[in-house]
Amino acid sequence: MSKPKHTPGPWRATQAGANVKAGAITDVAYLSRHLKGEEERKANADLIAAAPDLLDLVERALPIIAAEADRRDDAFFGQSEPYWSEMRDLANRIEALILKARALEAA
């Protein structure tokens, strides 16, 4: 994977959920107070703060899922065609998500 263009994690939401920070002072995101309420703003901040960890997880999972999708031996593994189609679709969707998160275009 290429070096991230985004602010490195970990990120954390402030207690009020108005900001997402990386480290002690770096603001990654500021959430508007025009949302439906403080609970929604805090939930959005928590989701944004989880982004670097989620990206790391899917980047680590992709090779495993793609390898499983490529091991298409129905007789040995006892899986039906929908299983393999779902595995391939999952691998493709994860790859597209990683490209989107990294602001890259599909090759």
C-alpha atoms as a PDB file:
ATOM      1  CA  MET A   1       0.000   0.000   0.000  1.00  0.00           C
ATOM      2  CA  SER A   2       1.085   3.530  -0.698  1.00  0.00           C
ATOM      3  CA  LYS A   3       1.805   5.958   2.099  1.00  0.00           C
ATOM      4  CA  PRO A   4      -1.451   7.472   3.413  1.00  0.00           C
ATOM      5  CA  LYS A   5      -2.308  10.996   2.336  1.00  0.00           C
ATOM      6  CA  HIS A   6      -4.601  11.415   5.334  1.00  0.00           C
ATOM      7  CA  THR A   7      -3.623  12.363   8.863  1.00  0.00           C
ATOM      8  CA  PRO A   8      -2.250   9.228  10.526  1.00  0.00           C
ATOM      9  CA  GLY A   9      -4.322   7.638  13.288  1.00  0.00           C
ATOM     10  CA  PRO A  10      -5.254   6.966  15.899  1.00  0.00           C
ATOM     11  CA  TRP A  11      -8.042   9.513  15.885  1.00  0.00           C
ATOM     12  CA  ARG A  12     -10.375  10.243  18.759  1.00  0.00           C
ATOM     13  CA  ALA A  13     -13.628  12.093  19.167  1.00  0.00           C
ATOM     14  CA  THR A  14     -13.729  14.821  21.758  1.00  0.00           C
ATOM     15  CA  GLN A  15     -16.144  14.330  24.638  1.00  0.00           C
ATOM     16  CA  ALA A  16     -18.681  16.730  23.172  1.00  0.00           C
ATOM     17  CA  GLY A  17     -18.281  15.145  19.738  1.00  0.00           C
ATOM     18  CA  ALA A  18     -17.676  18.495  18.083  1.00  0.00           C
ATOM     19  CA  ASN A  19     -14.170  17.584  16.919  1.00  0.00           C
ATOM     20  CA  VAL A  20     -12.139  14.575  15.854  1.00  0.00           C
ATOM     21  CA  LYS A  21      -8.488  14.850  16.794  1.00  0.00           C
ATOM     22  CA  ALA A  22      -5.261  13.090  15.941  1.00  0.00           C
ATOM     23  CA  GLY A  23      -2.895  13.435  18.858  1.00  0.00           C
ATOM     24  CA  ALA A  24      -3.327  16.176  21.392  1.00  0.00           C
ATOM     25  CA  ILE A  25      -3.969  19.184  19.167  1.00  0.00           C
ATOM     26  CA  THR A  26      -4.426  18.232  15.501  1.00  0.00           C
ATOM     27  CA  ASP A  27      -8.037  18.641  14.388  1.00  0.00           C
ATOM     28  CA  VAL A  28      -9.045  16.087  11.751  1.00  0.00           C
ATOM     29  CA  ALA A  29     -12.707  17.062  11.537  1.00  0.00           C
ATOM     30  CA  TYR A  30     -15.119  19.561  12.997  1.00  0.00           C
ATOM     31  CA  LEU A  31     -18.751  18.525  13.199  1.00  0.00           C
ATOM     32  CA  SER A  32     -21.440  21.126  12.735  1.00  0.00           C
ATOM     33  CA  ARG A  33     -23.773  21.930  15.578  1.00  0.00           C
ATOM     34  CA  HIS A  34     -26.588  22.022  13.005  1.00  0.00           C
ATOM     35  CA  LEU A  35     -27.038  18.259  13.216  1.00  0.00           C
ATOM     36  CA  LYS A  36     -30.150  16.881  14.896  1.00  0.00           C
ATOM     37  CA  GLY A  37     -28.553  16.903  18.301  1.00  0.00           C
ATOM     38  CA  GLU A  38     -25.534  16.282  20.436  1.00  0.00           C
ATOM     39  CA  GLU A  39     -26.086  12.510  20.478  1.00  0.00           C
ATOM     40  CA  GLU A  40     -26.008  12.322  16.666  1.00  0.00           C
ATOM     41  CA  ARG A  41     -22.964  14.596  16.462  1.00  0.00           C
ATOM     42  CA  LYS A  42     -21.103  12.427  18.996  1.00  0.00           C
ATOM     43  CA  ALA A  43     -22.040   9.234  17.105  1.00  0.00           C
ATOM     44  CA  ASN A  44     -20.784  10.763  13.844  1.00  0.00           C
ATOM     45  CA  ALA A  45     -17.554  11.860  15.524  1.00  0.00           C
ATOM     46  CA  ASP A  46     -17.014   8.344  16.910  1.00  0.00           C
ATOM     47  CA  LEU A  47     -17.550   6.851  13.443  1.00  0.00           C
ATOM     48  CA  ILE A  48     -15.101   9.291  11.842  1.00  0.00           C
ATOM     49  CA  ALA A  49     -12.562   8.628  14.602  1.00  0.00           C
ATOM     50  CA  ALA A  50     -12.734   4.884  13.858  1.00  0.00           C
ATOM     51  CA  ALA A  51     -11.861   5.423  10.171  1.00  0.00           C
ATOM     52  CA  PRO A  52      -8.074   4.813  10.373  1.00  0.00           C
ATOM     53  CA  ASP A  53      -8.591   1.592  12.333  1.00  0.00           C
ATOM     54  CA  LEU A  54     -11.302   0.413   9.937  1.00  0.00           C
ATOM     55  CA  LEU A  55      -9.068   1.153   6.940  1.00  0.00           C
ATOM     56  CA  ASP A  56      -6.202  -0.780   8.515  1.00  0.00           C
ATOM     57  CA  LEU A  57      -8.501  -3.719   9.211  1.00  0.00           C
ATOM     58  CA  VAL A  58      -9.920  -3.959   5.688  1.00  0.00           C
ATOM     59  CA  GLU A  59      -6.444  -3.586   4.176  1.00  0.00           C
ATOM     60  CA  ARG A  60      -5.293  -6.541   6.269  1.00  0.00           C
ATOM     61  CA  ALA A  61      -8.426  -8.586   5.515  1.00  0.00           C
ATOM     62  CA  LEU A  62      -8.449  -8.061   1.739  1.00  0.00           C
ATOM     63  CA  PRO A  63      -5.634 -10.504   0.849  1.00  0.00           C
ATOM     64  CA  ILE A  64      -7.221 -13.218   2.990  1.00  0.00           C
ATOM     65  CA  ILE A  65     -10.686 -12.723   1.500  1.00  0.00           C
ATOM     66  CA  ALA A  66      -9.325 -12.456  -2.060  1.00  0.00           C
ATOM     67  CA  ALA A  67      -7.308 -15.669  -1.591  1.00  0.00           C
ATOM     68  CA  GLU A  68     -10.393 -17.457  -0.300  1.00  0.00           C
ATOM     69  CA  ALA A  69     -12.395 -16.207  -3.276  1.00  0.00           C
ATOM     70  CA  ASP A  70      -9.718 -17.568  -5.615  1.00  0.00           C
ATOM     71  CA  ARG A  71      -9.763 -21.049  -3.986  1.00  0.00           C
ATOM     72  CA  ARG A  72     -12.835 -22.007  -5.898  1.00  0.00           C
ATOM     73  CA  ASP A  73     -13.014 -25.756  -5.506  1.00  0.00           C
ATOM     74  CA  ASP A  74     -16.673 -26.510  -4.770  1.00  0.00           C
ATOM     75  CA  ALA A  75     -16.142 -30.253  -4.405  1.00  0.00           C
ATOM     76  CA  PHE A  76     -13.375 -29.957  -1.831  1.00  0.00           C
ATOM     77  CA  PHE A  77     -14.713 -27.047   0.177  1.00  0.00           C
ATOM     78  CA  GLY A  78     -18.367 -28.009  -0.167  1.00  0.00           C
ATOM     79  CA  GLN A  79     -19.479 -24.474  -0.928  1.00  0.00           C
ATOM     80  CA  SER A  80     -22.070 -23.505  -3.488  1.00  0.00           C
ATOM     81  CA  GLU A  81     -21.690 -21.004  -6.325  1.00  0.00           C
ATOM     82  CA  PRO A  82     -23.400 -18.198  -4.331  1.00  0.00           C
ATOM     83  CA  TYR A  83     -20.688 -18.517  -1.661  1.00  0.00           C
ATOM     84  CA  TRP A  84     -17.881 -17.971  -4.176  1.00  0.00           C
ATOM     85  CA  SER A  85     -19.756 -15.140  -5.878  1.00  0.00           C
ATOM     86  CA  GLU A  86     -20.270 -13.462  -2.523  1.00  0.00           C
ATOM     87  CA  MET A  87     -16.588 -13.879  -1.617  1.00  0.00           C
ATOM     88  CA  ARG A  88     -15.466 -12.339  -4.924  1.00  0.00           C
ATOM     89  CA  ASP A  89     -18.011  -9.515  -4.576  1.00  0.00           C
ATOM     90  CA  LEU A  90     -16.823  -8.865  -1.025  1.00  0.00           C
ATOM     91  CA  ALA A  91     -13.178  -8.730  -2.138  1.00  0.00           C
ATOM     92  CA  ASN A  92     -14.064  -6.346  -4.977  1.00  0.00           C
ATOM     93  CA  ARG A  93     -16.083  -4.080  -2.697  1.00  0.00           C
ATOM     94  CA  ILE A  94     -13.328  -3.977  -0.075  1.00  0.00           C
ATOM     95  CA  GLU A  95     -10.763  -3.111  -2.729  1.00  0.00           C
ATOM     96  CA  ALA A  96     -12.981  -0.300  -4.055  1.00  0.00           C
ATOM     97  CA  LEU A  97     -13.494   1.004  -0.512  1.00  0.00           C
ATOM     98  CA  ILE A  98      -9.744   1.069   0.117  1.00  0.00           C
ATOM     99  CA  LEU A  99      -9.163   2.949  -3.134  1.00  0.00           C
ATOM    100  CA  LYS A 100     -11.884   5.431  -2.177  1.00  0.00           C
ATOM    101  CA  ALA A 101     -10.433   5.927   1.308  1.00  0.00           C
ATOM    102  CA  ARG A 102      -6.950   6.387  -0.093  1.00  0.00           C
ATOM    103  CA  ALA A 103      -8.278   8.774  -2.777  1.00  0.00           C
ATOM    104  CA  LEU A 104      -6.876   6.561  -5.523  1.00  0.00           C
ATOM    105  CA  GLU A 105      -8.418   5.537  -8.801  1.00  0.00           C
ATOM    106  CA  ALA A 106      -8.959   1.912  -9.719  1.00  0.00           C
ATOM    107  CA  ALA A 107      -6.222   0.617 -11.955  1.00  0.00           C
END
